C-alpha atoms as a PDB file:
ATOM      1  CA  MET A   1      91.200 104.556  87.142  1.00  0.00           C
ATOM      2  CA  LYS A   2      93.825 102.299  84.734  1.00  0.00           C
ATOM      3  CA  ALA A   3      92.816  98.926  85.125  1.00  0.00           C
ATOM      4  CA  GLN A   4      96.113  97.521  84.875  1.00  0.00           C
ATOM      5  CA  ASP A   5      97.146 100.203  88.717  1.00  0.00           C
ATOM      6  CA  PHE A   6      93.611  98.273  89.457  1.00  0.00           C
ATOM      7  CA  VAL A   7      95.481  95.330  89.144  1.00  0.00           C
ATOM      8  CA  ALA A   8      98.602  95.419  90.800  1.00  0.00           C
ATOM      9  CA  ALA A   9      96.852  97.287  93.669  1.00  0.00           C
ATOM     10  CA  VAL A  10      94.865  93.885  94.150  1.00  0.00           C
ATOM     11  CA  MET A  11      98.256  92.343  93.069  1.00  0.00           C
ATOM     12  CA  GLN A  12      99.614  94.296  96.416  1.00  0.00           C
ATOM     13  CA  ILE A  13      96.990  93.130  98.933  1.00  0.00           C
ATOM     14  CA  ALA A  14      97.149  89.624  97.556  1.00  0.00           C
ATOM     15  CA  ARG A  15     101.224  90.180  98.357  1.00  0.00           C
ATOM     16  CA  ASP A  16     100.520  90.396 102.064  1.00  0.00           C
ATOM     17  CA  ARG A  17      98.575  87.443 102.057  1.00  0.00           C
ATOM     18  CA  PRO A  18      95.755  88.840 104.370  1.00  0.00           C
ATOM     19  CA  SER A  19      93.623  85.721 106.070  1.00  0.00           C
ATOM     20  CA  TYR A  20      90.017  85.313 105.389  1.00  0.00           C
ATOM     21  CA  ARG A  21      87.584  87.633 107.274  1.00  0.00           C
ATOM     22  CA  ILE A  22      83.780  88.589 106.382  1.00  0.00           C
ATOM     23  CA  GLY A  23      83.862  92.752 106.172  1.00  0.00           C
ATOM     24  CA  GLY A  24      88.231  92.713 105.703  1.00  0.00           C
ATOM     25  CA  SER A  25      89.351  94.725 102.855  1.00  0.00           C
ATOM     26  CA  GLY A  26      93.029  94.481 103.200  1.00  0.00           C
ATOM     27  CA  LYS A  27      93.829  96.581 105.713  1.00  0.00           C
ATOM     28  CA  ASP A  28      94.258  94.749 108.985  1.00  0.00           C
ATOM     29  CA  GLY A  29      95.605  91.803 107.132  1.00  0.00           C
ATOM     30  CA  THR A  30      92.803  90.585 106.704  1.00  0.00           C
ATOM     31  CA  CYS A  31      89.708  90.424 103.552  1.00  0.00           C
ATOM     32  CA  ASP A  32      86.852  88.397 102.076  1.00  0.00           C
ATOM     33  CA  CYS A  33      86.124  88.867  98.513  1.00  0.00           C
ATOM     34  CA  VAL A  34      84.610  92.892  97.642  1.00  0.00           C
ATOM     35  CA  GLY A  35      86.946  93.320 100.210  1.00  0.00           C
ATOM     36  CA  LEU A  36      89.971  92.766  97.657  1.00  0.00           C
ATOM     37  CA  ILE A  37      88.527  95.397  95.416  1.00  0.00           C
ATOM     38  CA  MET A  38      87.519  97.886  97.885  1.00  0.00           C
ATOM     39  CA  GLY A  39      90.687  97.753  98.681  1.00  0.00           C
ATOM     40  CA  ALA A  40      92.501  98.394  95.971  1.00  0.00           C
ATOM     41  CA  VAL A  41      90.120 100.695  95.099  1.00  0.00           C
ATOM     42  CA  ASN A  42      90.388 102.702  98.222  1.00  0.00           C
ATOM     43  CA  ARG A  43      94.268 102.679  97.640  1.00  0.00           C
ATOM     44  CA  LEU A  44      93.571 104.287  94.430  1.00  0.00           C
ATOM     45  CA  GLU A  45      91.412 106.739  94.930  1.00  0.00           C
ATOM     46  CA  ARG A  46      90.372 106.589  98.635  1.00  0.00           C
ATOM     47  CA  VAL A  47      86.639 105.618  97.167  1.00  0.00           C
ATOM     48  CA  ALA A  48      83.875 104.455 100.523  1.00  0.00           C
ATOM     49  CA  TYR A  49      81.729 102.527  99.699  1.00  0.00           C
ATOM     50  CA  PRO A  50      78.504 102.203 101.555  1.00  0.00           C
ATOM     51  CA  LEU A  51      77.657  98.552 101.874  1.00  0.00           C
ATOM     52  CA  HIS A  52      80.408  95.824 101.717  1.00  0.00           C
ATOM     53  CA  SER A  53      78.840  93.264  99.940  1.00  0.00           C
ATOM     54  CA  SER A  54      79.419  91.502  95.733  1.00  0.00           C
ATOM     55  CA  ASN A  55      75.478  92.418  95.602  1.00  0.00           C
ATOM     56  CA  TYR A  56      75.613  95.654  96.084  1.00  0.00           C
ATOM     57  CA  PHE A  57      78.584  96.066  94.247  1.00  0.00           C
ATOM     58  CA  ALA A  58      76.939  94.461  90.715  1.00  0.00           C
ATOM     59  CA  ARG A  59      73.870  95.752  91.530  1.00  0.00           C
ATOM     60  CA  ARG A  60      75.310  99.561  92.030  1.00  0.00           C
ATOM     61  CA  GLU A  61      79.212  99.200  91.115  1.00  0.00           C
ATOM     62  CA  MET A  62      78.796  97.990  87.526  1.00  0.00           C
ATOM     63  CA  ALA A  63      78.042  99.715  84.604  1.00  0.00           C
ATOM     64  CA  THR A  64      77.145  96.437  82.991  1.00  0.00           C
ATOM     65  CA  LEU A  65      76.479  92.900  84.007  1.00  0.00           C
ATOM     66  CA  GLU A  66      76.449  90.582  81.027  1.00  0.00           C
ATOM     67  CA  ALA A  67      77.422  86.956  80.657  1.00  0.00           C
ATOM     68  CA  ALA A  68      81.102  86.784  79.810  1.00  0.00           C
ATOM     69  CA  GLU A  69      83.168  84.144  77.929  1.00  0.00           C
ATOM     70  CA  ASP A  70      87.281  83.291  78.786  1.00  0.00           C
ATOM     71  CA  ALA A  71      87.581  84.314  75.455  1.00  0.00           C
ATOM     72  CA  ASP A  72      86.107  88.016  76.559  1.00  0.00           C
ATOM     73  CA  LEU A  73      87.724  88.129  79.322  1.00  0.00           C
ATOM     74  CA  THR A  74      90.529  90.954  80.970  1.00  0.00           C
ATOM     75  CA  PRO A  75      93.174  92.378  83.051  1.00  0.00           C
ATOM     76  CA  GLY A  76      90.621  94.057  85.408  1.00  0.00           C
ATOM     77  CA  MET A  77      87.372  93.047  85.290  1.00  0.00           C
ATOM     78  CA  LEU A  78      85.010  91.779  87.866  1.00  0.00           C
ATOM     79  CA  VAL A  79      83.772  88.269  87.426  1.00  0.00           C
ATOM     80  CA  TYR A  80      80.661  87.457  89.854  1.00  0.00           C
ATOM     81  CA  LYS A  81      79.492  83.861  90.653  1.00  0.00           C
ATOM     82  CA  ALA A  82      75.446  83.781  91.248  1.00  0.00           C
ATOM     83  CA  ARG A  83      72.150  82.445  91.587  1.00  0.00           C
ATOM     84  CA  GLN A  84      68.273  82.608  90.895  1.00  0.00           C
ATOM     85  CA  ASP A  85      67.858  80.804  94.829  1.00  0.00           C
ATOM     86  CA  THR A  86      67.052  84.267  96.375  1.00  0.00           C
ATOM     87  CA  GLY A  87      66.715  82.093  99.762  1.00  0.00           C
ATOM     88  CA  GLN A  88      70.523  83.334 101.490  1.00  0.00           C
ATOM     89  CA  LEU A  89      69.489  87.282  99.801  1.00  0.00           C
ATOM     90  CA  ASN A  90      69.616  90.366 101.716  1.00  0.00           C
ATOM     91  CA  GLU A  91      65.623  91.889 101.651  1.00  0.00           C
ATOM     92  CA  ARG A  92      67.398  94.845 100.645  1.00  0.00           C
ATOM     93  CA  TYR A  93      67.569  93.397  97.414  1.00  0.00           C
ATOM     94  CA  LYS A  94      65.084  92.218  96.577  1.00  0.00           C
ATOM     95  CA  LYS A  95      61.768  93.228  95.201  1.00  0.00           C
ATOM     96  CA  GLY A  96      60.860  96.392  97.460  1.00  0.00           C
ATOM     97  CA  GLY A  97      64.146  96.876  99.645  1.00  0.00           C
ATOM     98  CA  SER A  98      66.577  99.466  99.361  1.00  0.00           C
ATOM     99  CA  VAL A  99      68.764  98.722  96.672  1.00  0.00           C
ATOM    100  CA  ASP A 100      65.997  96.653  94.709  1.00  0.00           C
ATOM    101  CA  ASN A 101      67.177  97.185  90.997  1.00  0.00           C
ATOM    102  CA  GLY A 102      64.984  94.423  89.207  1.00  0.00           C
ATOM    103  CA  ASP A 103      67.384  91.706  88.921  1.00  0.00           C
ATOM    104  CA  TYR A 104      67.236  89.352  91.800  1.00  0.00           C
ATOM    105  CA  ARG A 105      69.960  86.842  91.184  1.00  0.00           C
ATOM    106  CA  ASP A 106      72.089  86.479  94.430  1.00  0.00           C
ATOM    107  CA  PHE A 107      75.904  87.572  93.431  1.00  0.00           C
ATOM    108  CA  TYR A 108      77.357  85.514  96.678  1.00  0.00           C
ATOM    109  CA  HIS A 109      80.780  85.843  95.005  1.00  0.00           C
ATOM    110  CA  VAL A 110      83.251  87.534  93.210  1.00  0.00           C
ATOM    111  CA  GLY A 111      87.121  88.034  91.773  1.00  0.00           C
ATOM    112  CA  ILE A 112      89.435  89.964  89.794  1.00  0.00           C
ATOM    113  CA  VAL A 113      90.773  88.905  86.613  1.00  0.00           C
ATOM    114  CA  CYS A 114      94.573  89.064  87.615  1.00  0.00           C
ATOM    115  CA  GLY A 115      95.664  87.715  83.955  1.00  0.00           C
ATOM    116  CA  VAL A 116      94.815  85.575  81.200  1.00  0.00           C
ATOM    117  CA  SER A 117      96.421  83.090  78.825  1.00  0.00           C
END
């Protein structure tokens, strides 16, 4: 998938102005942060994901996770907000959980870089 096609699919969902709903992916007029990514990828590749979660995406769908400075951002990149406090982190991501990958940050929000200037 090309980054420009992904960004175009994201913008197509955004133009529909979906209302916020946890679990929404732009199909029914609702969307959340990771749902916007899932919906755009689904429109391009018809991929089904096992979990609707920014924590899942950070752990299982990213080739790498690294800190990015503003100058490093390019359209199509995903940018996560993360916290060290795991008080709200689902047990499946904690040590010994079903999606434990050794990274115990809580990736509580994700966005898509659609343009830089």
